[in-house]
Amino acid sequence: MTLLVSGLTDTGAVRKSNQDAIDWCVDDASNQALLVVADGMGGYQGGEEASRIAVDTVMEVLGPCLSEAEAPDTRERLVQSALDLASERIEARKGEAPDLAKMGTTIVLAWVTGKQALVAHLGDSRCYLVQNQTLQCLTRDDTVVQNMLEDGSIKERDVPNVPFRNVLTRALGASDASATFSEVSLETGDHLLLCSDGLTGALDENAWLQLMSTSDSIQSSVAALVRASLEQGAKDNVSVVLLSTN
């Protein structure tokens, strides 16, 4: 099974700066891939720096591992060590300048090895599995509003009216960088889609499959998703990284 990846990040229709960061790499044999999306917070400079530190650290630590045959439990430990280092670097940068004191970032990553994908995340950037014309979210938002939904404090229809709906309960740059992990099996023709909340906040999930099914490549699928988000007036930065199995 061959892995193909494409990605795109955009400032969005409202924001003046892009605090998202994305990256990916595929090994020479095209059967291992690493994908990552981060959405920074803490002001213009802080958000940009935090997301870039996170993505660069993950690629620095995990990128060279793609050529190795790591056991599943080893991969999880390697991912967590990369996230711990990224969080430490963000904390160190915060200590250098008072105006960066609130910097931090979400992160979602997928390490795909053959037919298995290890997914890790903190925050509300998401990973979806697209399989047999269905869309399944593989991550749970680390947000106050998600907690409220689960404990019954509010209903789904109330979410748009919650003023602090985007407040995170976990992020890189906080005291605890422990990620939530999950694994999923992939088959030929499946896709993994990683995105920031700029996509989920602007474009209804029901539109995604139609846009992807009418595109002739993963590059055009990514471009169509971002373009549709902008047409819907995306209020946040929009980032998409898409993996296809062939």
Protein backbone atom coordinates (compact mmCIF):
# COMPACT_ATOMS: atom_id res chain seq x y z
CA MET A 1 0.00 0.00 0.00
CA THR A 2 1.40 3.37 -1.07
CA LEU A 3 0.89 6.49 1.02
CA LEU A 4 0.37 9.93 -0.52
CA VAL A 5 0.10 13.19 1.45
CA SER A 6 -0.85 16.76 0.67
CA GLY A 7 -1.56 19.76 2.88
CA LEU A 8 -2.46 23.44 2.87
CA THR A 9 -2.80 26.20 5.46
CA ASP A 10 -4.51 29.56 4.96
CA THR A 11 -4.96 32.69 7.08
CA GLY A 12 -8.73 32.50 6.60
CA ALA A 13 -11.26 35.14 5.69
CA VAL A 14 -10.92 37.30 8.82
CA ARG A 15 -7.58 36.84 10.60
CA LYS A 16 -4.57 38.96 9.65
CA SER A 17 -1.97 36.36 10.61
CA ASN A 18 -1.70 32.59 10.44
CA GLN A 19 -1.03 30.93 13.79
CA ASP A 20 -1.45 27.42 12.36
CA ALA A 21 1.52 25.29 11.34
CA ILE A 22 1.55 22.06 9.35
CA ASP A 23 4.11 19.58 8.04
CA TRP A 24 4.42 16.02 6.85
CA CYS A 25 6.95 13.55 5.51
CA VAL A 26 6.82 10.18 3.75
CA ASP A 27 9.65 7.63 3.78
CA ASP A 28 11.43 6.61 0.58
CA ALA A 29 9.37 3.43 0.25
CA SER A 30 6.10 5.41 0.63
CA ASN A 31 4.79 3.03 3.31
CA GLN A 32 5.40 5.20 6.38
CA ALA A 33 4.22 8.77 6.87
CA LEU A 34 4.12 11.41 9.58
CA LEU A 35 1.49 14.18 9.48
CA VAL A 36 1.08 17.04 11.95
CA VAL A 37 -1.18 20.08 12.42
CA ALA A 38 -0.85 22.66 15.23
CA ASP A 39 -3.02 25.67 16.03
CA GLY A 40 -1.23 28.26 18.15
CA MET A 41 -2.67 30.59 20.78
CA GLY A 42 -1.46 33.46 22.89
CA GLY A 43 -1.53 36.41 20.53
CA TYR A 44 -0.07 37.05 17.11
CA GLN A 45 3.59 36.33 17.86
CA GLY A 46 3.00 33.77 20.60
CA GLY A 47 0.61 31.63 18.58
CA GLU A 48 2.82 31.58 15.53
CA GLU A 49 5.89 30.67 17.55
CA ALA A 50 4.19 27.99 19.64
CA SER A 51 2.70 26.12 16.68
CA ARG A 52 5.96 26.29 14.71
CA ILE A 53 8.01 25.07 17.70
CA ALA A 54 5.61 22.16 18.13
CA VAL A 55 5.61 21.09 14.50
CA ASP A 56 9.36 21.51 14.03
CA THR A 57 10.11 19.52 17.18
CA VAL A 58 7.83 16.65 16.17
CA MET A 59 9.42 16.46 12.72
CA GLU A 60 12.93 16.72 14.19
CA VAL A 61 12.38 13.88 16.67
CA LEU A 62 10.08 11.56 14.74
CA GLY A 63 11.03 12.18 11.12
CA PRO A 64 14.24 10.09 11.29
CA CYS A 65 12.26 7.22 12.89
CA LEU A 66 10.26 6.59 9.72
CA SER A 67 13.08 4.51 8.32
CA GLU A 68 13.10 2.28 11.41
CA ALA A 69 10.83 -0.69 12.17
CA GLU A 70 9.50 0.57 15.50
CA ALA A 71 7.17 -1.58 17.60
CA PRO A 72 3.72 -0.05 18.28
CA ASP A 73 4.43 0.57 21.97
CA THR A 74 7.77 2.13 21.06
CA ARG A 75 6.09 4.52 18.62
CA GLU A 76 3.75 5.78 21.32
CA ARG A 77 6.66 6.43 23.68
CA LEU A 78 8.57 8.22 20.93
CA VAL A 79 5.59 10.43 20.13
CA GLN A 80 5.08 11.37 23.76
CA SER A 81 8.77 12.18 24.17
CA ALA A 82 8.58 14.47 21.11
CA LEU A 83 5.54 16.23 22.55
CA ASP A 84 7.20 16.59 25.95
CA LEU A 85 10.22 18.20 24.31
CA ALA A 86 8.01 20.53 22.26
CA SER A 87 6.16 21.59 25.40
CA GLU A 88 9.44 22.19 27.24
CA ARG A 89 10.69 24.36 24.37
CA ILE A 90 7.48 26.38 24.37
CA GLU A 91 7.73 26.85 28.15
CA ALA A 92 11.35 27.98 27.78
CA ARG A 93 10.39 30.50 25.11
CA LYS A 94 7.57 31.83 27.32
CA GLY A 95 10.13 32.51 30.02
CA GLU A 96 12.16 34.71 27.69
CA ALA A 97 9.51 37.36 27.05
CA PRO A 98 6.58 38.55 29.23
CA ASP A 99 4.34 39.11 26.19
CA LEU A 100 4.59 35.39 25.35
CA ALA A 101 3.36 34.22 28.76
CA LYS A 102 0.09 32.84 27.36
CA MET A 103 1.54 31.09 24.31
CA GLY A 104 0.63 27.49 23.65
CA THR A 105 -0.72 25.30 20.88
CA THR A 106 -2.99 22.44 20.02
CA ILE A 107 -1.48 19.55 18.13
CA VAL A 108 -2.74 16.52 16.25
CA LEU A 109 -0.45 14.04 14.52
CA ALA A 110 -0.67 10.71 12.77
CA TRP A 111 2.18 8.24 12.34
CA VAL A 112 1.18 5.78 9.63
CA THR A 113 3.05 2.53 9.21
CA GLY A 114 1.67 0.31 6.48
CA LYS A 115 -1.96 -0.35 7.39
CA GLN A 116 -1.76 1.00 10.93
CA ALA A 117 -2.05 4.61 12.05
CA LEU A 118 -1.16 5.93 15.49
CA VAL A 119 -2.99 9.19 16.25
CA ALA A 120 -2.08 11.57 19.09
CA HIS A 121 -3.58 14.92 20.04
CA LEU A 122 -3.97 17.69 22.58
CA GLY A 123 -6.53 20.44 22.14
CA ASP A 124 -9.23 20.76 19.48
CA SER A 125 -7.37 20.10 16.24
CA ARG A 126 -8.81 16.87 14.86
CA CYS A 127 -8.11 13.70 12.91
CA TYR A 128 -10.78 12.02 10.78
CA LEU A 129 -10.89 8.65 9.04
CA VAL A 130 -12.57 8.68 5.63
CA GLN A 131 -13.54 5.10 4.79
CA ASN A 132 -16.25 3.66 2.51
CA GLN A 133 -17.78 7.11 2.00
CA THR A 134 -18.15 7.69 5.72
CA LEU A 135 -16.44 10.22 7.96
CA GLN A 136 -15.36 9.27 11.48
CA CYS A 137 -13.70 11.65 13.94
CA LEU A 138 -10.89 9.82 15.75
CA THR A 139 -10.17 12.53 18.33
CA ARG A 140 -12.07 14.15 21.20
CA ASP A 141 -11.86 17.93 21.62
CA ASP A 142 -10.03 18.95 24.79
CA THR A 143 -12.33 21.89 25.48
CA VAL A 144 -14.57 23.17 28.27
CA VAL A 145 -17.59 23.01 25.98
CA GLN A 146 -16.93 19.34 25.17
CA ASN A 147 -16.88 18.58 28.88
CA MET A 148 -20.19 20.41 29.24
CA LEU A 149 -21.73 18.41 26.42
CA GLU A 150 -20.63 15.16 27.97
CA ASP A 151 -21.86 15.97 31.48
CA GLY A 152 -25.21 17.16 30.13
CA SER A 153 -24.80 20.84 31.08
CA ILE A 154 -25.64 21.89 27.53
CA LYS A 155 -27.04 20.41 24.33
CA GLU A 156 -25.38 20.45 20.91
CA ARG A 157 -27.69 23.23 19.81
CA ASP A 158 -26.39 25.42 22.66
CA VAL A 159 -22.73 25.25 21.61
CA PRO A 160 -22.74 28.34 19.31
CA ASN A 161 -24.05 30.44 22.21
CA VAL A 162 -21.40 29.42 24.75
CA PRO A 163 -19.03 32.41 24.98
CA PHE A 164 -16.03 30.33 26.10
CA ARG A 165 -16.65 27.42 23.72
CA ASN A 166 -13.07 27.49 22.40
CA VAL A 167 -11.33 27.43 25.80
CA LEU A 168 -8.96 24.45 25.87
CA THR A 169 -8.50 22.05 28.75
CA ARG A 170 -5.20 20.70 27.40
CA ALA A 171 -2.51 22.12 25.12
CA LEU A 172 1.21 22.04 24.51
CA GLY A 173 2.97 24.64 26.62
CA ALA A 174 0.92 23.79 29.69
CA SER A 175 2.20 21.82 32.68
CA ASP A 176 0.90 18.49 31.39
CA ALA A 177 1.65 17.56 27.78
CA SER A 178 0.21 14.04 28.01
CA ALA A 179 -1.45 13.22 24.70
CA THR A 180 -4.49 11.09 24.00
CA PHE A 181 -3.59 8.17 21.71
CA SER A 182 -5.65 5.97 19.44
CA GLU A 183 -4.92 3.48 16.68
CA VAL A 184 -6.83 2.73 13.52
CA SER A 185 -6.42 0.21 10.71
CA LEU A 186 -6.37 1.49 7.14
CA GLU A 187 -7.37 -0.17 3.88
CA THR A 188 -6.61 0.78 0.30
CA GLY A 189 -8.66 3.80 -0.67
CA ASP A 190 -8.93 5.19 2.86
CA HIS A 191 -7.95 8.73 3.86
CA LEU A 192 -6.78 10.34 7.08
CA LEU A 193 -7.65 14.03 7.37
CA LEU A 194 -5.98 16.24 9.99
CA CYS A 195 -7.29 19.77 10.45
CA SER A 196 -7.41 22.81 12.69
CA ASP A 197 -10.71 24.17 13.99
CA GLY A 198 -10.73 26.73 11.21
CA LEU A 199 -12.07 23.99 8.93
CA THR A 200 -14.51 22.43 11.39
CA GLY A 201 -15.79 25.82 12.48
CA ALA A 202 -16.47 27.08 8.97
CA LEU A 203 -17.53 24.07 6.91
CA ASP A 204 -20.14 21.51 7.91
CA GLU A 205 -18.76 17.99 7.92
CA ASN A 206 -21.61 16.87 5.67
CA ALA A 207 -20.01 18.83 2.82
CA TRP A 208 -16.57 17.27 3.11
CA LEU A 209 -17.23 13.93 1.43
CA GLN A 210 -18.91 15.56 -1.56
CA LEU A 211 -15.98 17.92 -2.07
CA MET A 212 -13.48 15.09 -1.78
CA SER A 213 -15.38 12.67 -4.01
CA THR A 214 -15.54 15.18 -6.85
CA SER A 215 -11.82 15.99 -6.70
CA ASP A 216 -9.37 14.14 -8.91
CA SER A 217 -6.40 14.12 -6.50
CA ILE A 218 -5.61 14.62 -2.83
CA GLN A 219 -4.09 17.99 -3.73
CA SER A 220 -7.36 19.14 -5.27
CA SER A 221 -9.32 17.67 -2.33
CA VAL A 222 -7.29 19.72 0.13
CA ALA A 223 -7.63 22.85 -2.00
CA ALA A 224 -11.40 22.33 -2.32
CA LEU A 225 -11.87 21.98 1.44
CA VAL A 226 -9.86 25.13 2.19
CA ARG A 227 -11.53 27.10 -0.60
CA ALA A 228 -15.01 26.12 0.60
CA SER A 229 -14.09 27.19 4.14
CA LEU A 230 -13.01 30.59 2.87
CA GLU A 231 -16.22 30.93 0.88
CA GLN A 232 -18.10 30.31 4.13
CA GLY A 233 -16.19 33.20 5.73
CA ALA A 234 -13.78 31.17 7.86
CA LYS A 235 -13.18 33.22 11.00
CA ASP A 236 -10.02 31.35 11.95
CA ASN A 237 -6.95 30.04 10.19
CA VAL A 238 -7.73 26.95 8.11
CA SER A 239 -5.31 24.01 7.88
CA VAL A 240 -5.76 20.59 6.28
CA VAL A 241 -3.33 17.71 5.84
CA LEU A 242 -4.70 14.73 3.95
CA LEU A 243 -3.24 11.23 3.56
CA SER A 244 -4.45 8.78 0.93
CA THR A 245 -3.78 5.03 0.78
CA ASN A 246 -3.34 3.54 -2.68
